[in-house]
Every structure is written in C-alpha cells, then in structure tokens.
Amino acid sequence: MGTQAQFERDHVDAARLTVVGEIDLGVADEFRRALIGAVEAATTAASVDLTGVTFFNSTGIAVLLEGRRAAGKRGVRLVIEPGSAVRRVLELVGLGEHLDLPARAGTAKWLLSPPAAAPLHRSPRDRA
C-alpha cells in the first residue's frame, strides 16, 4: 500500500470531512471517528469529500454504512463526494442503487439518505 489516509474536518463547517489517501483496515478506526464526528456536528447534512481517496475497499464501505446509520439516527443526510476509486468500488459491489447514487460518472455528489428513507431493494419498475 502507499499513502495512508489523512482526515481533515473543515474549521468553518465541522460537518464537512475531507479524506485524502488510502482507506484500508489500518485507518478504519480513524476514518470512523472522523466520519461520526462530522455526522454529530451536522444540523441538516454531513458531507464527506472522498475525491482525494486513492484506494478504497470493504473497510471503507463498512465505515460509510456506519456513518449512514448514525446520520439516520440523528435525522441528517450524509452527502458523499466520491473520487474515481470510491465510485468504482461502490458501483462494483452494487451499492450505487442502494445508496441512491447516480449512474453518471460526472455527478459530483451522492446522497446517502437515512436508512428508513432508502429501500434495500427496488423493483425494475422503480428504477425507470
């Protein structure tokens, strides 16, 4: 692996988290703390900028899903700004639709709705 991830909360907007580097098991706890901290600081939405992430695997997925659950409990949205590495993994495992992610690569932000608002499975008719 290369560069471990760095996490920075915005000094003006504490509900905004910027992540740069690799998200793997070695940084999972730090990513979790930073993400939950951003969610807890949010009043309507927490945002996570993952455009600088160069490696993303199941560890990152698990943390994002934990963040989504925490956001749902607080009644706030989790807004994800994915980079190509994150987008590729989420689409590969089929979470694009589950997390209401747009199909087009040019879309900048993906919303992770609170768990109650996003059904686990959609019928083909709902996708049209």
N, C-alpha and C. Protein backbone atom coordinates (compact mmCIF):
# COMPACT_ATOMS: atom_id res chain seq x y z
N MET A 1 0.83 -1.18 0.00
CA MET A 1 0.00 0.00 0.00
C MET A 1 0.88 1.24 0.00
N GLY A 2 0.28 2.35 -0.38
CA GLY A 2 1.01 3.62 -0.46
C GLY A 2 0.72 4.51 0.72
N THR A 3 0.22 5.67 0.43
CA THR A 3 -0.01 6.70 1.44
C THR A 3 -1.24 6.40 2.27
N GLN A 4 -1.07 6.37 3.59
CA GLN A 4 -2.22 6.20 4.47
C GLN A 4 -3.09 7.44 4.39
N ALA A 5 -4.34 7.29 4.69
CA ALA A 5 -5.30 8.39 4.57
C ALA A 5 -5.05 9.47 5.60
N GLN A 6 -5.43 10.67 5.22
CA GLN A 6 -5.42 11.83 6.11
C GLN A 6 -6.85 12.33 6.19
N PHE A 7 -7.26 12.75 7.38
CA PHE A 7 -8.62 13.19 7.61
C PHE A 7 -8.58 14.62 8.14
N GLU A 8 -9.38 15.48 7.53
CA GLU A 8 -9.40 16.87 7.98
C GLU A 8 -10.82 17.38 8.03
N ARG A 9 -11.22 17.84 9.21
CA ARG A 9 -12.54 18.46 9.35
C ARG A 9 -12.39 19.94 9.06
N ASP A 10 -13.33 20.49 8.34
CA ASP A 10 -13.32 21.90 7.99
C ASP A 10 -13.44 22.74 9.26
N HIS A 11 -12.60 23.77 9.39
CA HIS A 11 -12.64 24.60 10.60
C HIS A 11 -13.90 25.45 10.67
N VAL A 12 -14.43 25.82 9.53
CA VAL A 12 -15.65 26.64 9.50
C VAL A 12 -16.89 25.76 9.59
N ASP A 13 -16.90 24.67 8.84
CA ASP A 13 -18.05 23.76 8.82
C ASP A 13 -17.59 22.40 9.35
N ALA A 14 -17.79 22.16 10.63
CA ALA A 14 -17.32 20.94 11.28
C ALA A 14 -18.02 19.69 10.74
N ALA A 15 -19.13 19.87 10.02
CA ALA A 15 -19.85 18.73 9.46
C ALA A 15 -19.29 18.32 8.10
N ARG A 16 -18.18 18.91 7.69
CA ARG A 16 -17.54 18.57 6.41
C ARG A 16 -16.19 17.90 6.68
N LEU A 17 -16.02 16.71 6.10
CA LEU A 17 -14.81 15.92 6.26
C LEU A 17 -14.15 15.72 4.90
N THR A 18 -12.86 15.99 4.82
CA THR A 18 -12.10 15.75 3.60
C THR A 18 -11.12 14.61 3.86
N VAL A 19 -11.10 13.62 2.98
CA VAL A 19 -10.25 12.45 3.14
C VAL A 19 -9.32 12.35 1.92
N VAL A 20 -8.03 12.16 2.19
CA VAL A 20 -7.03 12.02 1.14
C VAL A 20 -6.17 10.80 1.43
N GLY A 21 -5.91 9.98 0.43
CA GLY A 21 -5.04 8.82 0.60
C GLY A 21 -5.79 7.51 0.49
N GLU A 22 -5.32 6.51 1.22
CA GLU A 22 -5.87 5.16 1.13
C GLU A 22 -6.74 4.84 2.34
N ILE A 23 -7.93 4.33 2.06
CA ILE A 23 -8.83 3.86 3.11
C ILE A 23 -8.72 2.35 3.16
N ASP A 24 -8.13 1.85 4.24
CA ASP A 24 -8.00 0.40 4.42
C ASP A 24 -8.12 0.10 5.91
N LEU A 25 -7.87 -1.14 6.28
CA LEU A 25 -8.03 -1.57 7.66
C LEU A 25 -7.16 -0.77 8.62
N GLY A 26 -6.01 -0.33 8.17
CA GLY A 26 -5.09 0.42 9.03
C GLY A 26 -5.61 1.78 9.48
N VAL A 27 -6.56 2.34 8.75
CA VAL A 27 -7.08 3.66 9.11
C VAL A 27 -8.58 3.62 9.41
N ALA A 28 -9.15 2.43 9.47
CA ALA A 28 -10.60 2.29 9.65
C ALA A 28 -11.11 3.00 10.90
N ASP A 29 -10.44 2.81 12.03
CA ASP A 29 -10.91 3.43 13.27
C ASP A 29 -10.84 4.95 13.19
N GLU A 30 -9.77 5.46 12.61
CA GLU A 30 -9.63 6.92 12.47
C GLU A 30 -10.69 7.47 11.52
N PHE A 31 -10.95 6.76 10.42
CA PHE A 31 -11.98 7.18 9.47
C PHE A 31 -13.34 7.17 10.15
N ARG A 32 -13.62 6.12 10.91
CA ARG A 32 -14.90 6.01 11.63
C ARG A 32 -15.09 7.17 12.60
N ARG A 33 -14.07 7.46 13.40
CA ARG A 33 -14.17 8.57 14.36
C ARG A 33 -14.39 9.90 13.65
N ALA A 34 -13.66 10.13 12.58
CA ALA A 34 -13.78 11.38 11.85
C ALA A 34 -15.16 11.51 11.20
N LEU A 35 -15.65 10.43 10.61
CA LEU A 35 -16.95 10.46 9.95
C LEU A 35 -18.08 10.64 10.97
N ILE A 36 -18.04 9.89 12.05
CA ILE A 36 -19.08 10.03 13.08
C ILE A 36 -19.02 11.43 13.69
N GLY A 37 -17.83 11.99 13.86
CA GLY A 37 -17.70 13.35 14.36
C GLY A 37 -18.36 14.36 13.43
N ALA A 38 -18.18 14.18 12.13
CA ALA A 38 -18.83 15.08 11.17
C ALA A 38 -20.35 14.92 11.23
N VAL A 39 -20.82 13.70 11.34
CA VAL A 39 -22.27 13.46 11.44
C VAL A 39 -22.82 14.10 12.70
N GLU A 40 -22.11 13.95 13.82
CA GLU A 40 -22.59 14.53 15.08
C GLU A 40 -22.58 16.05 15.06
N ALA A 41 -21.71 16.65 14.24
CA ALA A 41 -21.64 18.11 14.14
C ALA A 41 -22.70 18.66 13.18
N ALA A 42 -23.32 17.80 12.40
CA ALA A 42 -24.27 18.24 11.37
C ALA A 42 -25.62 18.63 11.98
N THR A 43 -26.21 19.64 11.37
CA THR A 43 -27.58 20.00 11.75
C THR A 43 -28.58 19.53 10.70
N THR A 44 -28.18 19.52 9.43
CA THR A 44 -29.06 19.01 8.37
C THR A 44 -28.34 17.97 7.51
N ALA A 45 -27.03 18.17 7.26
CA ALA A 45 -26.28 17.23 6.43
C ALA A 45 -24.80 17.26 6.80
N ALA A 46 -24.19 16.10 6.73
CA ALA A 46 -22.74 15.98 6.87
C ALA A 46 -22.20 15.64 5.49
N SER A 47 -21.08 16.24 5.12
CA SER A 47 -20.52 15.94 3.80
C SER A 47 -19.12 15.36 3.95
N VAL A 48 -18.82 14.42 3.05
CA VAL A 48 -17.54 13.74 3.05
C VAL A 48 -16.96 13.83 1.64
N ASP A 49 -15.83 14.51 1.53
CA ASP A 49 -15.15 14.66 0.25
C ASP A 49 -14.14 13.52 0.12
N LEU A 50 -14.44 12.57 -0.75
CA LEU A 50 -13.58 11.41 -0.98
C LEU A 50 -12.89 11.49 -2.33
N THR A 51 -12.85 12.68 -2.93
CA THR A 51 -12.25 12.83 -4.25
C THR A 51 -10.74 12.59 -4.22
N GLY A 52 -10.11 12.72 -3.07
CA GLY A 52 -8.67 12.50 -2.95
C GLY A 52 -8.30 11.11 -2.49
N VAL A 53 -9.27 10.22 -2.39
CA VAL A 53 -9.00 8.84 -1.95
C VAL A 53 -8.47 8.04 -3.12
N THR A 54 -7.33 7.38 -2.92
CA THR A 54 -6.68 6.62 -3.99
C THR A 54 -6.90 5.12 -3.89
N PHE A 55 -7.33 4.63 -2.73
CA PHE A 55 -7.61 3.21 -2.53
C PHE A 55 -8.79 3.12 -1.58
N PHE A 56 -9.76 2.24 -1.91
CA PHE A 56 -10.99 2.13 -1.13
C PHE A 56 -11.47 0.70 -1.25
N ASN A 57 -11.72 0.05 -0.10
CA ASN A 57 -12.17 -1.34 -0.15
C ASN A 57 -13.34 -1.55 0.80
N SER A 58 -13.58 -2.80 1.17
CA SER A 58 -14.72 -3.13 2.02
C SER A 58 -14.66 -2.43 3.38
N THR A 59 -13.47 -2.13 3.84
CA THR A 59 -13.33 -1.39 5.09
C THR A 59 -13.99 -0.02 4.97
N GLY A 60 -13.73 0.67 3.88
CA GLY A 60 -14.34 1.97 3.64
C GLY A 60 -15.84 1.88 3.49
N ILE A 61 -16.31 0.83 2.81
CA ILE A 61 -17.74 0.63 2.66
C ILE A 61 -18.39 0.48 4.03
N ALA A 62 -17.80 -0.35 4.88
CA ALA A 62 -18.37 -0.58 6.21
C ALA A 62 -18.46 0.72 7.01
N VAL A 63 -17.43 1.55 6.92
CA VAL A 63 -17.44 2.82 7.66
C VAL A 63 -18.50 3.75 7.08
N LEU A 64 -18.63 3.81 5.76
CA LEU A 64 -19.67 4.66 5.17
C LEU A 64 -21.06 4.21 5.62
N LEU A 65 -21.28 2.90 5.67
CA LEU A 65 -22.58 2.40 6.11
C LEU A 65 -22.83 2.71 7.59
N GLU A 66 -21.79 2.66 8.41
CA GLU A 66 -21.93 3.06 9.81
C GLU A 66 -22.29 4.54 9.90
N GLY A 67 -21.63 5.35 9.08
CA GLY A 67 -21.93 6.77 9.04
C GLY A 67 -23.35 7.02 8.61
N ARG A 68 -23.83 6.24 7.66
CA ARG A 68 -25.21 6.36 7.20
C ARG A 68 -26.19 6.04 8.32
N ARG A 69 -25.91 4.98 9.06
CA ARG A 69 -26.79 4.63 10.19
C ARG A 69 -26.79 5.73 11.24
N ALA A 70 -25.61 6.27 11.55
CA ALA A 70 -25.51 7.34 12.54
C ALA A 70 -26.26 8.59 12.06
N ALA A 71 -26.16 8.90 10.78
CA ALA A 71 -26.87 10.05 10.22
C ALA A 71 -28.38 9.83 10.32
N GLY A 72 -28.82 8.62 10.03
CA GLY A 72 -30.25 8.30 10.13
C GLY A 72 -30.77 8.47 11.55
N LYS A 73 -29.99 8.04 12.53
CA LYS A 73 -30.40 8.18 13.93
C LYS A 73 -30.52 9.65 14.33
N ARG A 74 -29.67 10.50 13.74
CA ARG A 74 -29.69 11.93 14.06
C ARG A 74 -30.67 12.70 13.17
N GLY A 75 -31.19 12.05 12.14
CA GLY A 75 -32.11 12.72 11.24
C GLY A 75 -31.43 13.68 10.28
N VAL A 76 -30.16 13.41 9.95
CA VAL A 76 -29.43 14.24 9.00
C VAL A 76 -29.05 13.38 7.78
N ARG A 77 -28.68 14.04 6.69
CA ARG A 77 -28.24 13.32 5.50
C ARG A 77 -26.73 13.22 5.49
N LEU A 78 -26.24 12.20 4.82
CA LEU A 78 -24.81 12.04 4.60
C LEU A 78 -24.56 12.24 3.11
N VAL A 79 -23.80 13.28 2.77
CA VAL A 79 -23.52 13.62 1.37
C VAL A 79 -22.09 13.19 1.05
N ILE A 80 -21.95 12.36 0.01
CA ILE A 80 -20.64 11.84 -0.37
C ILE A 80 -20.22 12.47 -1.68
N GLU A 81 -18.99 12.94 -1.73
CA GLU A 81 -18.39 13.43 -2.97
C GLU A 81 -17.31 12.41 -3.34
N PRO A 82 -17.63 11.44 -4.21
CA PRO A 82 -16.70 10.35 -4.50
C PRO A 82 -15.67 10.71 -5.56
N GLY A 83 -14.49 10.15 -5.40
CA GLY A 83 -13.50 10.17 -6.46
C GLY A 83 -13.65 8.90 -7.27
N SER A 84 -12.82 8.72 -8.27
CA SER A 84 -12.96 7.56 -9.15
C SER A 84 -12.73 6.24 -8.41
N ALA A 85 -11.80 6.19 -7.46
CA ALA A 85 -11.53 4.94 -6.73
C ALA A 85 -12.74 4.53 -5.90
N VAL A 86 -13.36 5.48 -5.23
CA VAL A 86 -14.54 5.19 -4.40
C VAL A 86 -15.72 4.82 -5.27
N ARG A 87 -15.95 5.60 -6.31
CA ARG A 87 -17.07 5.33 -7.23
C ARG A 87 -16.98 3.92 -7.80
N ARG A 88 -15.79 3.54 -8.24
CA ARG A 88 -15.58 2.23 -8.87
C ARG A 88 -15.96 1.10 -7.89
N VAL A 89 -15.52 1.20 -6.66
CA VAL A 89 -15.80 0.15 -5.68
C VAL A 89 -17.29 0.09 -5.35
N LEU A 90 -17.90 1.24 -5.11
CA LEU A 90 -19.32 1.26 -4.76
C LEU A 90 -20.19 0.72 -5.89
N GLU A 91 -19.84 1.05 -7.12
CA GLU A 91 -20.60 0.52 -8.25
C GLU A 91 -20.35 -0.97 -8.44
N LEU A 92 -19.12 -1.40 -8.24
CA LEU A 92 -18.76 -2.81 -8.40
C LEU A 92 -19.55 -3.71 -7.46
N VAL A 93 -19.73 -3.27 -6.22
CA VAL A 93 -20.45 -4.10 -5.24
C VAL A 93 -21.96 -3.85 -5.26
N GLY A 94 -22.41 -3.00 -6.15
CA GLY A 94 -23.85 -2.78 -6.31
C GLY A 94 -24.48 -1.83 -5.32
N LEU A 95 -23.68 -1.02 -4.68
CA LEU A 95 -24.24 -0.08 -3.70
C LEU A 95 -24.71 1.23 -4.33
N GLY A 96 -24.44 1.42 -5.61
CA GLY A 96 -24.87 2.64 -6.27
C GLY A 96 -26.36 2.88 -6.15
N GLU A 97 -27.16 1.86 -6.43
CA GLU A 97 -28.60 2.00 -6.32
C GLU A 97 -29.07 1.98 -4.88
N HIS A 98 -28.47 1.15 -4.06
CA HIS A 98 -28.87 1.05 -2.66
C HIS A 98 -28.66 2.38 -1.93
N LEU A 99 -27.61 3.07 -2.29
CA LEU A 99 -27.31 4.34 -1.64
C LEU A 99 -27.80 5.53 -2.45
N ASP A 100 -28.69 5.27 -3.41
CA ASP A 100 -29.24 6.30 -4.27
C ASP A 100 -28.15 7.10 -4.98
N LEU A 101 -27.17 6.38 -5.50
CA LEU A 101 -26.08 7.03 -6.21
C LEU A 101 -26.44 7.17 -7.67
N PRO A 102 -26.15 8.31 -8.29
CA PRO A 102 -26.47 8.48 -9.70
C PRO A 102 -25.59 7.58 -10.56
N ALA A 103 -26.09 7.21 -11.70
CA ALA A 103 -25.38 6.30 -12.60
C ALA A 103 -24.27 7.01 -13.37
N ARG A 104 -24.38 8.30 -13.56
CA ARG A 104 -23.41 9.02 -14.38
C ARG A 104 -22.16 9.39 -13.58
N ALA A 105 -21.00 9.19 -14.19
CA ALA A 105 -19.73 9.46 -13.52
C ALA A 105 -19.49 10.95 -13.31
N GLY A 106 -20.17 11.81 -14.02
CA GLY A 106 -19.94 13.24 -13.90
C GLY A 106 -20.67 13.89 -12.74
N THR A 107 -21.52 13.14 -12.05
CA THR A 107 -22.26 13.72 -10.94
C THR A 107 -21.35 13.85 -9.73
N ALA A 108 -21.32 15.04 -9.16
CA ALA A 108 -20.35 15.33 -8.11
C ALA A 108 -20.73 14.78 -6.75
N LYS A 109 -22.00 14.82 -6.39
CA LYS A 109 -22.39 14.45 -5.02
C LYS A 109 -23.39 13.31 -5.03
N TRP A 110 -23.21 12.41 -4.11
CA TRP A 110 -24.13 11.32 -3.91
C TRP A 110 -24.71 11.47 -2.52
N LEU A 111 -26.00 11.33 -2.39
CA LEU A 111 -26.64 11.44 -1.09
C LEU A 111 -26.85 10.06 -0.51
N LEU A 112 -26.49 9.92 0.73
CA LEU A 112 -26.80 8.70 1.46
C LEU A 112 -27.97 9.06 2.35
N SER A 113 -29.16 8.68 1.94
CA SER A 113 -30.35 9.01 2.70
C SER A 113 -30.35 8.22 4.00
N PRO A 114 -31.05 8.72 5.01
CA PRO A 114 -31.17 7.94 6.24
C PRO A 114 -31.74 6.56 5.92
N PRO A 115 -31.37 5.53 6.66
CA PRO A 115 -31.76 4.15 6.35
C PRO A 115 -33.25 3.96 6.09
N ALA A 116 -34.12 4.60 6.85
CA ALA A 116 -35.55 4.39 6.66
C ALA A 116 -36.02 4.94 5.33
N ALA A 117 -35.32 5.90 4.76
CA ALA A 117 -35.75 6.55 3.53
C ALA A 117 -35.26 5.82 2.28
N ALA A 118 -34.30 4.94 2.40
CA ALA A 118 -33.75 4.27 1.24
C ALA A 118 -34.04 2.77 1.30
N PRO A 119 -34.91 2.26 0.40
CA PRO A 119 -35.20 0.82 0.42
C PRO A 119 -33.98 0.01 0.04
N LEU A 120 -33.88 -1.19 0.61
CA LEU A 120 -32.76 -2.06 0.29
C LEU A 120 -32.83 -2.56 -1.15
N HIS A 121 -34.02 -2.89 -1.60
CA HIS A 121 -34.17 -3.44 -2.94
C HIS A 121 -35.26 -2.66 -3.67
N ARG A 122 -35.05 -2.45 -4.93
CA ARG A 122 -36.04 -1.78 -5.75
C ARG A 122 -36.44 -2.72 -6.87
N SER A 123 -37.66 -2.61 -7.27
CA SER A 123 -38.09 -3.41 -8.40
C SER A 123 -37.61 -2.74 -9.67
N PRO A 124 -37.46 -3.49 -10.76
CA PRO A 124 -37.03 -2.87 -12.02
C PRO A 124 -37.95 -1.74 -12.44
N ARG A 125 -39.22 -1.84 -12.11
CA ARG A 125 -40.18 -0.79 -12.45
C ARG A 125 -39.85 0.51 -11.74
N ASP A 126 -39.32 0.46 -10.49
CA ASP A 126 -38.97 1.65 -9.72
C ASP A 126 -37.73 2.34 -10.28
N ARG A 127 -36.88 1.60 -10.98
CA ARG A 127 -35.63 2.16 -11.48
C ARG A 127 -35.83 3.00 -12.74
N ALA A 128 -36.93 2.84 -13.41
CA ALA A 128 -37.17 3.56 -14.67
C ALA A 128 -37.46 5.02 -14.43
